Each structure stands twice: as C-alpha cells, then as structure tokens.
PDB file of N, CA and C in Angstrom:
ATOM      1  N   MET A   1      46.326  14.356  23.871  1.00  0.00           N
ATOM      2  CA  MET A   1      46.351  15.084  25.128  1.00  0.00           C
ATOM      3  C   MET A   1      44.942  15.591  25.377  1.00  0.00           C
ATOM      4  N   ASN A   2      44.443  15.332  26.567  1.00  0.00           N
ATOM      5  CA  ASN A   2      43.076  15.757  26.835  1.00  0.00           C
ATOM      6  C   ASN A   2      43.013  17.213  27.283  1.00  0.00           C
ATOM      7  N   SER A   3      41.818  17.752  27.292  1.00  0.00           N
ATOM      8  CA  SER A   3      41.651  19.179  27.562  1.00  0.00           C
ATOM      9  C   SER A   3      42.051  19.554  28.975  1.00  0.00           C
ATOM     10  N   ASP A   4      41.937  18.652  29.957  1.00  0.00           N
ATOM     11  CA  ASP A   4      42.347  18.969  31.328  1.00  0.00           C
ATOM     12  C   ASP A   4      43.848  19.199  31.414  1.00  0.00           C
ATOM     13  N   ILE A   5      44.626  18.399  30.697  1.00  0.00           N
ATOM     14  CA  ILE A   5      46.078  18.574  30.687  1.00  0.00           C
ATOM     15  C   ILE A   5      46.432  19.883  30.006  1.00  0.00           C
ATOM     16  N   ILE A   6      45.764  20.181  28.904  1.00  0.00           N
ATOM     17  CA  ILE A   6      46.031  21.432  28.189  1.00  0.00           C
ATOM     18  C   ILE A   6      45.730  22.620  29.090  1.00  0.00           C
ATOM     19  N   LYS A   7      44.610  22.588  29.789  1.00  0.00           N
ATOM     20  CA  LYS A   7      44.271  23.685  30.693  1.00  0.00           C
ATOM     21  C   LYS A   7      45.309  23.821  31.793  1.00  0.00           C
ATOM     22  N   GLY A   8      45.803  22.707  32.318  1.00  0.00           N
ATOM     23  CA  GLY A   8      46.767  22.734  33.395  1.00  0.00           C
ATOM     24  C   GLY A   8      48.124  23.265  32.980  1.00  0.00           C
ATOM     25  N   LYS A   9      48.493  23.077  31.738  1.00  0.00           N
ATOM     26  CA  LYS A   9      49.806  23.493  31.254  1.00  0.00           C
ATOM     27  C   LYS A   9      49.713  24.681  30.304  1.00  0.00           C
ATOM     28  N   TRP A  10      48.654  25.446  30.404  1.00  0.00           N
ATOM     29  CA  TRP A  10      48.383  26.493  29.441  1.00  0.00           C
ATOM     30  C   TRP A  10      49.501  27.516  29.332  1.00  0.00           C
ATOM     31  N   LYS A  11      50.037  27.961  30.462  1.00  0.00           N
ATOM     32  CA  LYS A  11      51.092  28.978  30.412  1.00  0.00           C
ATOM     33  C   LYS A  11      52.313  28.462  29.671  1.00  0.00           C
ATOM     34  N   GLN A  12      52.634  27.207  29.846  1.00  0.00           N
ATOM     35  CA  GLN A  12      53.764  26.618  29.136  1.00  0.00           C
ATOM     36  C   GLN A  12      53.482  26.501  27.641  1.00  0.00           C
ATOM     37  N   LEU A  13      52.251  26.208  27.312  1.00  0.00           N
ATOM     38  CA  LEU A  13      51.883  26.012  25.913  1.00  0.00           C
ATOM     39  C   LEU A  13      51.771  27.311  25.129  1.00  0.00           C
ATOM     40  N   LYS A  14      51.529  28.425  25.824  1.00  0.00           N
ATOM     41  CA  LYS A  14      51.326  29.697  25.128  1.00  0.00           C
ATOM     42  C   LYS A  14      52.500  30.034  24.219  1.00  0.00           C
ATOM     43  N   GLY A  15      53.716  29.797  24.680  1.00  0.00           N
ATOM     44  CA  GLY A  15      54.891  30.078  23.850  1.00  0.00           C
ATOM     45  C   GLY A  15      54.912  29.231  22.600  1.00  0.00           C
ATOM     46  N   GLN A  16      54.579  27.966  22.744  1.00  0.00           N
ATOM     47  CA  GLN A  16      54.535  27.078  21.587  1.00  0.00           C
ATOM     48  C   GLN A  16      53.430  27.480  20.618  1.00  0.00           C
ATOM     49  N   LEU A  17      52.298  27.903  21.162  1.00  0.00           N
ATOM     50  CA  LEU A  17      51.191  28.345  20.315  1.00  0.00           C
ATOM     51  C   LEU A  17      51.566  29.587  19.526  1.00  0.00           C
ATOM     52  N   LYS A  18      52.244  30.529  20.167  1.00  0.00           N
ATOM     53  CA  LYS A  18      52.644  31.751  19.468  1.00  0.00           C
ATOM     54  C   LYS A  18      53.683  31.456  18.397  1.00  0.00           C
ATOM     55  N   THR A  19      54.532  30.451  18.638  1.00  0.00           N
ATOM     56  CA  THR A  19      55.497  30.048  17.622  1.00  0.00           C
ATOM     57  C   THR A  19      54.774  29.437  16.429  1.00  0.00           C
ATOM     58  N   GLN A  20      53.785  28.595  16.706  1.00  0.00           N
ATOM     59  CA  GLN A  20      53.021  27.925  15.650  1.00  0.00           C
ATOM     60  C   GLN A  20      52.158  28.910  14.865  1.00  0.00           C
ATOM     61  N   TRP A  21      51.454  29.775  15.591  1.00  0.00           N
ATOM     62  CA  TRP A  21      50.513  30.709  14.965  1.00  0.00           C
ATOM     63  C   TRP A  21      50.816  32.116  15.454  1.00  0.00           C
ATOM     64  N   GLY A  22      51.760  32.767  14.816  1.00  0.00           N
ATOM     65  CA  GLY A  22      52.248  34.070  15.236  1.00  0.00           C
ATOM     66  C   GLY A  22      51.223  35.190  15.171  1.00  0.00           C
ATOM     67  N   ASP A  23      50.144  35.005  14.439  1.00  0.00           N
ATOM     68  CA  ASP A  23      49.133  36.057  14.343  1.00  0.00           C
ATOM     69  C   ASP A  23      48.228  36.130  15.565  1.00  0.00           C
ATOM     70  N   LEU A  24      48.317  35.132  16.449  1.00  0.00           N
ATOM     71  CA  LEU A  24      47.523  35.177  17.674  1.00  0.00           C
ATOM     72  C   LEU A  24      48.197  36.100  18.681  1.00  0.00           C
ATOM     73  N   THR A  25      47.410  36.883  19.354  1.00  0.00           N
ATOM     74  CA  THR A  25      47.947  37.807  20.347  1.00  0.00           C
ATOM     75  C   THR A  25      47.930  37.164  21.740  1.00  0.00           C
ATOM     76  N   ASP A  26      48.654  37.794  22.672  1.00  0.00           N
ATOM     77  CA  ASP A  26      48.600  37.331  24.061  1.00  0.00           C
ATOM     78  C   ASP A  26      47.171  37.387  24.585  1.00  0.00           C
ATOM     79  N   ASP A  27      46.441  38.426  24.196  1.00  0.00           N
ATOM     80  CA  ASP A  27      45.040  38.539  24.628  1.00  0.00           C
ATOM     81  C   ASP A  27      44.203  37.374  24.105  1.00  0.00           C
ATOM     82  N   ASP A  28      44.414  37.004  22.840  1.00  0.00           N
ATOM     83  CA  ASP A  28      43.701  35.850  22.280  1.00  0.00           C
ATOM     84  C   ASP A  28      43.964  34.608  23.112  1.00  0.00           C
ATOM     85  N   LEU A  29      45.228  34.397  23.427  1.00  0.00           N
ATOM     86  CA  LEU A  29      45.606  33.190  24.159  1.00  0.00           C
ATOM     87  C   LEU A  29      45.148  33.232  25.605  1.00  0.00           C
ATOM     88  N   ASP A  30      45.139  34.425  26.213  1.00  0.00           N
ATOM     89  CA  ASP A  30      44.644  34.542  27.586  1.00  0.00           C
ATOM     90  C   ASP A  30      43.162  34.200  27.665  1.00  0.00           C
ATOM     91  N   VAL A  31      42.398  34.654  26.679  1.00  0.00           N
ATOM     92  CA  VAL A  31      40.969  34.371  26.671  1.00  0.00           C
ATOM     93  C   VAL A  31      40.725  32.892  26.343  1.00  0.00           C
ATOM     94  N   ALA A  32      41.509  32.339  25.423  1.00  0.00           N
ATOM     95  CA  ALA A  32      41.339  30.934  25.037  1.00  0.00           C
ATOM     96  C   ALA A  32      41.602  30.010  26.214  1.00  0.00           C
ATOM     97  N   GLU A  33      42.645  30.276  26.940  1.00  0.00           N
ATOM     98  CA  GLU A  33      43.067  29.530  28.133  1.00  0.00           C
ATOM     99  C   GLU A  33      42.630  28.072  28.151  1.00  0.00           C
ATOM    100  N   GLY A  34      43.061  27.324  27.141  1.00  0.00           N
ATOM    101  CA  GLY A  34      42.819  25.890  27.106  1.00  0.00           C
ATOM    102  C   GLY A  34      41.545  25.455  26.420  1.00  0.00           C
ATOM    103  N   HIS A  35      40.747  26.367  25.945  1.00  0.00           N
ATOM    104  CA  HIS A  35      39.487  26.021  25.290  1.00  0.00           C
ATOM    105  C   HIS A  35      39.732  25.885  23.790  1.00  0.00           C
ATOM    106  N   SER A  36      39.765  24.657  23.334  1.00  0.00           N
ATOM    107  CA  SER A  36      40.129  24.401  21.946  1.00  0.00           C
ATOM    108  C   SER A  36      39.131  24.992  20.959  1.00  0.00           C
ATOM    109  N   GLU A  37      37.851  25.061  21.332  1.00  0.00           N
ATOM    110  CA  GLU A  37      36.852  25.620  20.417  1.00  0.00           C
ATOM    111  C   GLU A  37      37.119  27.113  20.182  1.00  0.00           C
ATOM    112  N   TYR A  38      37.441  27.829  21.257  1.00  0.00           N
ATOM    113  CA  TYR A  38      37.735  29.253  21.122  1.00  0.00           C
ATOM    114  C   TYR A  38      39.005  29.448  20.302  1.00  0.00           C
ATOM    115  N   LEU A  39      40.019  28.633  20.589  1.00  0.00           N
ATOM    116  CA  LEU A  39      41.278  28.730  19.857  1.00  0.00           C
ATOM    117  C   LEU A  39      41.055  28.482  18.369  1.00  0.00           C
ATOM    118  N   ALA A  40      40.276  27.479  18.033  1.00  0.00           N
ATOM    119  CA  ALA A  40      39.968  27.195  16.628  1.00  0.00           C
ATOM    120  C   ALA A  40      39.235  28.373  15.992  1.00  0.00           C
ATOM    121  N   GLY A  41      38.326  28.982  16.728  1.00  0.00           N
ATOM    122  CA  GLY A  41      37.611  30.145  16.214  1.00  0.00           C
ATOM    123  C   GLY A  41      38.536  31.314  15.941  1.00  0.00           C
ATOM    124  N   LYS A  42      39.515  31.537  16.829  1.00  0.00           N
ATOM    125  CA  LYS A  42      40.477  32.615  16.622  1.00  0.00           C
ATOM    126  C   LYS A  42      41.378  32.329  15.428  1.00  0.00           C
ATOM    127  N   LEU A  43      41.761  31.081  15.256  1.00  0.00           N
ATOM    128  CA  LEU A  43      42.565  30.720  14.082  1.00  0.00           C
ATOM    129  C   LEU A  43      41.772  30.951  12.804  1.00  0.00           C
ATOM    130  N   GLN A  44      40.504  30.594  12.855  1.00  0.00           N
ATOM    131  CA  GLN A  44      39.628  30.801  11.700  1.00  0.00           C
ATOM    132  C   GLN A  44      39.537  32.291  11.376  1.00  0.00           C
ATOM    133  N   GLU A  45      39.389  33.105  12.404  1.00  0.00           N
ATOM    134  CA  GLU A  45      39.275  34.557  12.225  1.00  0.00           C
ATOM    135  C   GLU A  45      40.579  35.175  11.725  1.00  0.00           C
ATOM    136  N   ARG A  46      41.688  34.819  12.341  1.00  0.00           N
ATOM    137  CA  ARG A  46      42.976  35.440  12.012  1.00  0.00           C
ATOM    138  C   ARG A  46      43.539  35.002  10.668  1.00  0.00           C
ATOM    139  N   TYR A  47      43.324  33.731  10.319  1.00  0.00           N
ATOM    140  CA  TYR A  47      43.930  33.191   9.108  1.00  0.00           C
ATOM    141  C   TYR A  47      42.948  32.992   7.959  1.00  0.00           C
ATOM    142  N   GLY A  48      41.661  33.195   8.222  1.00  0.00           N
ATOM    143  CA  GLY A  48      40.666  33.041   7.165  1.00  0.00           C
ATOM    144  C   GLY A  48      40.428  31.592   6.764  1.00  0.00           C
ATOM    145  N   TRP A  49      40.705  30.674   7.681  1.00  0.00           N
ATOM    146  CA  TRP A  49      40.524  29.254   7.412  1.00  0.00           C
ATOM    147  C   TRP A  49      39.069  28.852   7.617  1.00  0.00           C
ATOM    148  N   SER A  50      38.719  27.711   7.030  1.00  0.00           N
ATOM    149  CA  SER A  50      37.399  27.138   7.296  1.00  0.00           C
ATOM    150  C   SER A  50      37.386  26.609   8.725  1.00  0.00           C
ATOM    151  N   LYS A  51      36.191  26.405   9.249  1.00  0.00           N
ATOM    152  CA  LYS A  51      36.050  25.866  10.601  1.00  0.00           C
ATOM    153  C   LYS A  51      36.736  24.507  10.711  1.00  0.00           C
ATOM    154  N   GLU A  52      36.557  23.677   9.692  1.00  0.00           N
ATOM    155  CA  GLU A  52      37.145  22.344   9.701  1.00  0.00           C
ATOM    156  C   GLU A  52      38.668  22.407   9.736  1.00  0.00           C
ATOM    157  N   ARG A  53      39.253  23.296   8.942  1.00  0.00           N
ATOM    158  CA  ARG A  53      40.717  23.402   8.928  1.00  0.00           C
ATOM    159  C   ARG A  53      41.232  23.900  10.273  1.00  0.00           C
ATOM    160  N   ALA A  54      40.587  24.905  10.835  1.00  0.00           N
ATOM    161  CA  ALA A  54      41.027  25.445  12.122  1.00  0.00           C
ATOM    162  C   ALA A  54      40.955  24.374  13.206  1.00  0.00           C
ATOM    163  N   GLU A  55      39.885  23.616  13.227  1.00  0.00           N
ATOM    164  CA  GLU A  55      39.753  22.538  14.214  1.00  0.00           C
ATOM    165  C   GLU A  55      40.810  21.466  13.997  1.00  0.00           C
ATOM    166  N   GLN A  56      41.111  21.159  12.735  1.00  0.00           N
ATOM    167  CA  GLN A  56      42.143  20.169  12.426  1.00  0.00           C
ATOM    168  C   GLN A  56      43.519  20.672  12.868  1.00  0.00           C
ATOM    169  N   GLU A  57      43.795  21.940  12.668  1.00  0.00           N
ATOM    170  CA  GLU A  57      45.070  22.519  13.106  1.00  0.00           C
ATOM    171  C   GLU A  57      45.237  22.364  14.618  1.00  0.00           C
ATOM    172  N   VAL A  58      44.177  22.626  15.372  1.00  0.00           N
ATOM    173  CA  VAL A  58      44.235  22.498  16.831  1.00  0.00           C
ATOM    174  C   VAL A  58      44.438  21.032  17.213  1.00  0.00           C
ATOM    175  N   ARG A  59      43.733  20.125  16.546  1.00  0.00           N
ATOM    176  CA  ARG A  59      43.903  18.690  16.830  1.00  0.00           C
ATOM    177  C   ARG A  59      45.322  18.235  16.515  1.00  0.00           C
ATOM    178  N   ASP A  60      45.855  18.688  15.384  1.00  0.00           N
ATOM    179  CA  ASP A  60      47.209  18.319  15.001  1.00  0.00           C
ATOM    180  C   ASP A  60      48.226  18.843  16.011  1.00  0.00           C
ATOM    181  N   PHE A  61      48.032  20.079  16.442  1.00  0.00           N
ATOM    182  CA  PHE A  61      48.940  20.673  17.430  1.00  0.00           C
ATOM    183  C   PHE A  61      48.908  19.880  18.731  1.00  0.00           C
ATOM    184  N   SER A  62      47.714  19.597  19.220  1.00  0.00           N
ATOM    185  CA  SER A  62      47.616  18.878  20.495  1.00  0.00           C
ATOM    186  C   SER A  62      48.128  17.445  20.354  1.00  0.00           C
ATOM    187  N   GLY A  63      48.030  16.878  19.176  1.00  0.00           N
ATOM    188  CA  GLY A  63      48.550  15.540  18.942  1.00  0.00           C
ATOM    189  C   GLY A  63      50.064  15.471  18.964  1.00  0.00           C
ATOM    190  N   ARG A  64      50.712  16.586  18.622  1.00  0.00           N
ATOM    191  CA  ARG A  64      52.177  16.633  18.637  1.00  0.00           C
ATOM    192  C   ARG A  64      52.742  16.850  20.034  1.00  0.00           C
ATOM    193  N   LEU A  65      51.895  17.207  20.991  1.00  0.00           N
ATOM    194  CA  LEU A  65      52.396  17.505  22.331  1.00  0.00           C
ATOM    195  C   LEU A  65      52.731  16.252  23.116  1.00  0.00           C
TER     196      LEU A  65
END
C-alpha cells in the first residue's frame, strides 16, 4: 500500500494502529497522519526498538493492509 492511500484512509487506520500498538496515543497518531517515518520514530520511542525494527514493523503493518 503506498503512502497516498495510507494518508487518504488515515482515520480508518487509526483504530487498527491502536490495536496493533496500544502504547501509541491519539496525539501520536494525529501528528503522524500517514507519515511512516514519524510513526516508526514513535514506535522506536515508545517501545525502545531499534530504528530498523520500527521501520520493519511499519512495513509489515502496511503490507497486511
């Protein structure tokens, strides 16, 4: 799924994102609003993951959509 589709369906995806990564807040997701780099950074911050793991998590999530 490309980033334009993710941006277009962001409100629908927010629920799925919160289910996947419950430590993210609504504010985190509002600021991320479809930007995978920001989302990966927040995952890295909240979960203490490496940059590579956080980016892989975002890729895996978008691949399942």
